Protein backbone atom coordinates (compact mmCIF):
# COMPACT_ATOMS: atom_id res chain seq x y z
CA UNK A 1 -11.25 -56.58 80.01
CA UNK A 2 -14.98 -55.98 80.33
CA UNK A 3 -14.62 -55.43 84.07
CA UNK A 4 -11.97 -52.79 83.50
CA UNK A 5 -14.12 -50.97 80.95
CA UNK A 6 -17.10 -51.10 83.30
CA UNK A 7 -15.04 -49.70 86.19
CA UNK A 8 -13.72 -46.85 84.03
CA UNK A 9 -17.21 -46.07 82.74
CA UNK A 10 -18.60 -46.12 86.27
CA UNK A 11 -15.98 -43.64 87.50
CA UNK A 12 -16.38 -41.45 84.42
CA UNK A 13 -20.09 -40.78 84.94
CA UNK A 14 -19.95 -40.48 88.70
CA UNK A 15 -19.72 -37.03 90.27
CA UNK A 16 -16.81 -37.55 92.65
CA UNK A 17 -18.07 -34.72 94.85
CA UNK A 18 -20.95 -37.00 95.85
CA UNK A 19 -18.78 -40.05 96.58
CA UNK A 20 -17.40 -40.58 100.09
CA UNK A 21 -13.58 -40.55 100.13
CA UNK A 22 -13.37 -44.12 101.43
CA UNK A 23 -15.54 -45.41 98.58
CA UNK A 24 -13.66 -43.39 95.98
CA UNK A 25 -10.34 -44.70 97.30
CA UNK A 26 -11.64 -48.27 97.19
CA UNK A 27 -12.82 -47.83 93.60
CA UNK A 28 -9.50 -46.34 92.50
CA UNK A 29 -7.49 -49.12 94.16
CA UNK A 30 -9.74 -51.71 92.49
CA UNK A 31 -9.26 -50.00 89.13
CA UNK A 32 -5.50 -49.98 89.67
CA UNK A 33 -5.43 -53.74 90.32
CA UNK A 34 -7.64 -54.46 87.32
CA UNK A 35 -5.24 -52.47 85.14
CA UNK A 36 -2.26 -54.34 86.60
CA UNK A 37 -3.91 -57.70 85.87
CA UNK A 38 -4.65 -56.58 82.31
CA UNK A 39 -1.03 -55.50 81.82
CA UNK A 40 0.15 -58.89 83.09
CA UNK A 41 -2.20 -60.69 80.69
CA UNK A 42 -0.96 -58.59 77.78
CA UNK A 43 2.65 -59.25 78.74
CA UNK A 44 2.05 -63.01 78.92
CA UNK A 45 0.31 -63.06 75.56
CA UNK A 46 2.89 -60.94 73.78
CA UNK A 47 5.98 -62.47 75.36
CA UNK A 48 7.04 -59.22 77.06
CA UNK A 49 9.08 -59.83 80.18
CA UNK A 50 10.06 -57.49 83.00
CA UNK A 51 13.75 -56.75 83.20
């Protein structure tokens, strides 16, 4: 969870106009996967299952 918060904080303070598109895309994809892992952890811990 700390990694996800750090990634969000990093993107929040960064001026995206100064970030190369490839790097921005990489950061957003990484953030997406971190969020997906967090959702899976929450689902496992709460007993939620995909239908």
